[in-house]
């Protein structure tokens, strides 16, 4: 399972989309067809723990990742599995979230 995660983590290995925000253009794997297909396969092969966003962790998938995985590096996994594209719209205090067991 860790190899699957490393595959998605390797920079843009599953393609990327260009997202424009104001005057900035940003590359992201979110929304790319290959990344979405990978996530669908990935989701079907994982088990989950249900968690809730604690006070002080709102809008901070990096802190939530650190809380559950002892590393902030899996922030992207929490966003992808919970179908959150903007951390400022998701991860509100008390929100129920899926925490993949890896």
C-alpha atoms as a PDB file:
ATOM      1  CA  UNK A   1       0.000   0.000   0.000  1.00  0.00           C
ATOM      2  CA  UNK A   2       2.866   2.379   0.762  1.00  0.00           C
ATOM      3  CA  UNK A   3       4.073   1.928  -2.847  1.00  0.00           C
ATOM      4  CA  UNK A   4       0.697   3.125  -4.111  1.00  0.00           C
ATOM      5  CA  UNK A   5       1.016   6.242  -1.984  1.00  0.00           C
ATOM      6  CA  UNK A   6       4.571   6.866  -3.184  1.00  0.00           C
ATOM      7  CA  UNK A   7       3.303   6.582  -6.766  1.00  0.00           C
ATOM      8  CA  UNK A   8       0.775   9.349  -6.218  1.00  0.00           C
ATOM      9  CA  UNK A   9       3.245  11.435  -4.244  1.00  0.00           C
ATOM     10  CA  UNK A  10       5.935  11.367  -6.923  1.00  0.00           C
ATOM     11  CA  UNK A  11       5.563  14.762  -8.463  1.00  0.00           C
ATOM     12  CA  UNK A  12       2.775  14.760 -11.028  1.00  0.00           C
ATOM     13  CA  UNK A  13       3.386  11.094 -11.944  1.00  0.00           C
ATOM     14  CA  UNK A  14      -0.325  10.691 -12.621  1.00  0.00           C
ATOM     15  CA  UNK A  15      -0.725  13.842 -14.638  1.00  0.00           C
ATOM     16  CA  UNK A  16      -1.796  17.249 -13.516  1.00  0.00           C
ATOM     17  CA  UNK A  17      -4.133  20.100 -14.223  1.00  0.00           C
ATOM     18  CA  UNK A  18      -3.293  23.790 -14.369  1.00  0.00           C
ATOM     19  CA  UNK A  19      -5.502  25.804 -12.030  1.00  0.00           C
ATOM     20  CA  UNK A  20      -5.628  29.574 -12.311  1.00  0.00           C
ATOM     21  CA  UNK A  21      -6.256  31.716  -9.269  1.00  0.00           C
ATOM     22  CA  UNK A  22      -6.170  35.461  -9.784  1.00  0.00           C
ATOM     23  CA  UNK A  23      -2.872  35.926 -11.625  1.00  0.00           C
ATOM     24  CA  UNK A  24      -1.214  32.679 -10.508  1.00  0.00           C
ATOM     25  CA  UNK A  25      -1.171  29.373 -12.372  1.00  0.00           C
ATOM     26  CA  UNK A  26      -0.721  26.291 -10.209  1.00  0.00           C
ATOM     27  CA  UNK A  27      -0.077  22.648 -11.149  1.00  0.00           C
ATOM     28  CA  UNK A  28      -2.151  20.138  -9.217  1.00  0.00           C
ATOM     29  CA  UNK A  29      -2.880  16.421  -9.458  1.00  0.00           C
ATOM     30  CA  UNK A  30      -6.379  17.082  -8.140  1.00  0.00           C
ATOM     31  CA  UNK A  31      -8.807  16.683 -10.981  1.00  0.00           C
ATOM     32  CA  UNK A  32      -6.450  14.917 -13.367  1.00  0.00           C
ATOM     33  CA  UNK A  33      -8.032  11.832 -14.927  1.00  0.00           C
ATOM     34  CA  UNK A  34      -5.202   9.454 -13.961  1.00  0.00           C
ATOM     35  CA  UNK A  35      -5.088  10.717 -10.378  1.00  0.00           C
ATOM     36  CA  UNK A  36      -8.863  10.340 -10.053  1.00  0.00           C
ATOM     37  CA  UNK A  37      -8.726   6.771 -11.446  1.00  0.00           C
ATOM     38  CA  UNK A  38      -5.879   5.955  -9.065  1.00  0.00           C
ATOM     39  CA  UNK A  39      -7.818   7.351  -6.116  1.00  0.00           C
ATOM     40  CA  UNK A  40     -10.893   5.324  -7.016  1.00  0.00           C
ATOM     41  CA  UNK A  41      -8.819   2.129  -7.063  1.00  0.00           C
ATOM     42  CA  UNK A  42      -6.983   3.252  -3.966  1.00  0.00           C
ATOM     43  CA  UNK A  43     -10.219   3.992  -2.083  1.00  0.00           C
ATOM     44  CA  UNK A  44     -11.589   0.529  -2.820  1.00  0.00           C
ATOM     45  CA  UNK A  45      -8.506  -1.106  -1.285  1.00  0.00           C
ATOM     46  CA  UNK A  46      -8.256   0.857   1.945  1.00  0.00           C
ATOM     47  CA  UNK A  47      -9.888   0.609   5.291  1.00  0.00           C
ATOM     48  CA  UNK A  48     -10.687   3.776   7.179  1.00  0.00           C
ATOM     49  CA  UNK A  49     -10.994   5.238  10.615  1.00  0.00           C
ATOM     50  CA  UNK A  50     -13.602   7.931  11.062  1.00  0.00           C
ATOM     51  CA  UNK A  51     -12.162  11.072  12.587  1.00  0.00           C
ATOM     52  CA  UNK A  52     -13.367  14.529  13.433  1.00  0.00           C
ATOM     53  CA  UNK A  53     -11.534  17.795  12.878  1.00  0.00           C
ATOM     54  CA  UNK A  54     -10.465  19.011  16.338  1.00  0.00           C
ATOM     55  CA  UNK A  55     -10.341  22.630  17.511  1.00  0.00           C
ATOM     56  CA  UNK A  56      -7.139  24.253  16.311  1.00  0.00           C
ATOM     57  CA  UNK A  57      -6.876  22.006  13.259  1.00  0.00           C
ATOM     58  CA  UNK A  58      -9.528  23.625  11.076  1.00  0.00           C
ATOM     59  CA  UNK A  59      -8.442  24.247   7.482  1.00  0.00           C
ATOM     60  CA  UNK A  60      -5.094  22.549   8.180  1.00  0.00           C
ATOM     61  CA  UNK A  61      -4.836  19.136   6.487  1.00  0.00           C
ATOM     62  CA  UNK A  62      -1.099  19.205   7.227  1.00  0.00           C
ATOM     63  CA  UNK A  63      -1.741  19.324  10.983  1.00  0.00           C
ATOM     64  CA  UNK A  64      -4.416  16.639  10.730  1.00  0.00           C
ATOM     65  CA  UNK A  65      -1.977  14.452   8.782  1.00  0.00           C
ATOM     66  CA  UNK A  66       0.641  14.999  11.464  1.00  0.00           C
ATOM     67  CA  UNK A  67      -1.887  14.082  14.160  1.00  0.00           C
ATOM     68  CA  UNK A  68      -2.888  10.775  12.559  1.00  0.00           C
ATOM     69  CA  UNK A  69       0.270   9.791  10.628  1.00  0.00           C
ATOM     70  CA  UNK A  70       3.071  11.511  12.578  1.00  0.00           C
ATOM     71  CA  UNK A  71       3.993  13.432   9.413  1.00  0.00           C
ATOM     72  CA  UNK A  72       2.428  16.444   7.694  1.00  0.00           C
ATOM     73  CA  UNK A  73       3.316  14.947   4.294  1.00  0.00           C
ATOM     74  CA  UNK A  74       0.059  13.048   3.795  1.00  0.00           C
ATOM     75  CA  UNK A  75      -2.132  16.171   3.761  1.00  0.00           C
ATOM     76  CA  UNK A  76      -2.935  15.522   0.082  1.00  0.00           C
ATOM     77  CA  UNK A  77      -4.280  12.036   0.900  1.00  0.00           C
ATOM     78  CA  UNK A  78      -6.741  13.427   3.433  1.00  0.00           C
ATOM     79  CA  UNK A  79      -7.911  16.022   0.936  1.00  0.00           C
ATOM     80  CA  UNK A  80      -8.280  13.512  -1.889  1.00  0.00           C
ATOM     81  CA  UNK A  81     -10.072  10.811   0.138  1.00  0.00           C
ATOM     82  CA  UNK A  82     -12.443  13.347   1.673  1.00  0.00           C
ATOM     83  CA  UNK A  83     -13.090  15.026  -1.694  1.00  0.00           C
ATOM     84  CA  UNK A  84     -11.865  18.408  -0.499  1.00  0.00           C
ATOM     85  CA  UNK A  85     -10.270  20.644  -3.104  1.00  0.00           C
ATOM     86  CA  UNK A  86      -9.947  23.771  -0.957  1.00  0.00           C
ATOM     87  CA  UNK A  87      -8.867  23.340   2.674  1.00  0.00           C
ATOM     88  CA  UNK A  88     -10.450  26.711   3.539  1.00  0.00           C
ATOM     89  CA  UNK A  89     -13.863  25.344   2.598  1.00  0.00           C
ATOM     90  CA  UNK A  90     -13.368  21.934   4.219  1.00  0.00           C
ATOM     91  CA  UNK A  91     -11.837  20.633   7.407  1.00  0.00           C
ATOM     92  CA  UNK A  92     -14.071  22.713   9.646  1.00  0.00           C
ATOM     93  CA  UNK A  93     -14.108  22.023  13.392  1.00  0.00           C
ATOM     94  CA  UNK A  94     -16.239  18.958  14.048  1.00  0.00           C
ATOM     95  CA  UNK A  95     -16.366  17.819  10.417  1.00  0.00           C
ATOM     96  CA  UNK A  96     -16.438  14.040  10.094  1.00  0.00           C
ATOM     97  CA  UNK A  97     -13.524  12.889   7.919  1.00  0.00           C
ATOM     98  CA  UNK A  98     -12.192   9.569   6.691  1.00  0.00           C
ATOM     99  CA  UNK A  99      -8.674   8.694   7.804  1.00  0.00           C
ATOM    100  CA  UNK A 100      -7.200   5.947   5.574  1.00  0.00           C
ATOM    101  CA  UNK A 101      -5.321   3.230   7.451  1.00  0.00           C
ATOM    102  CA  UNK A 102      -1.919   2.909   5.817  1.00  0.00           C
END
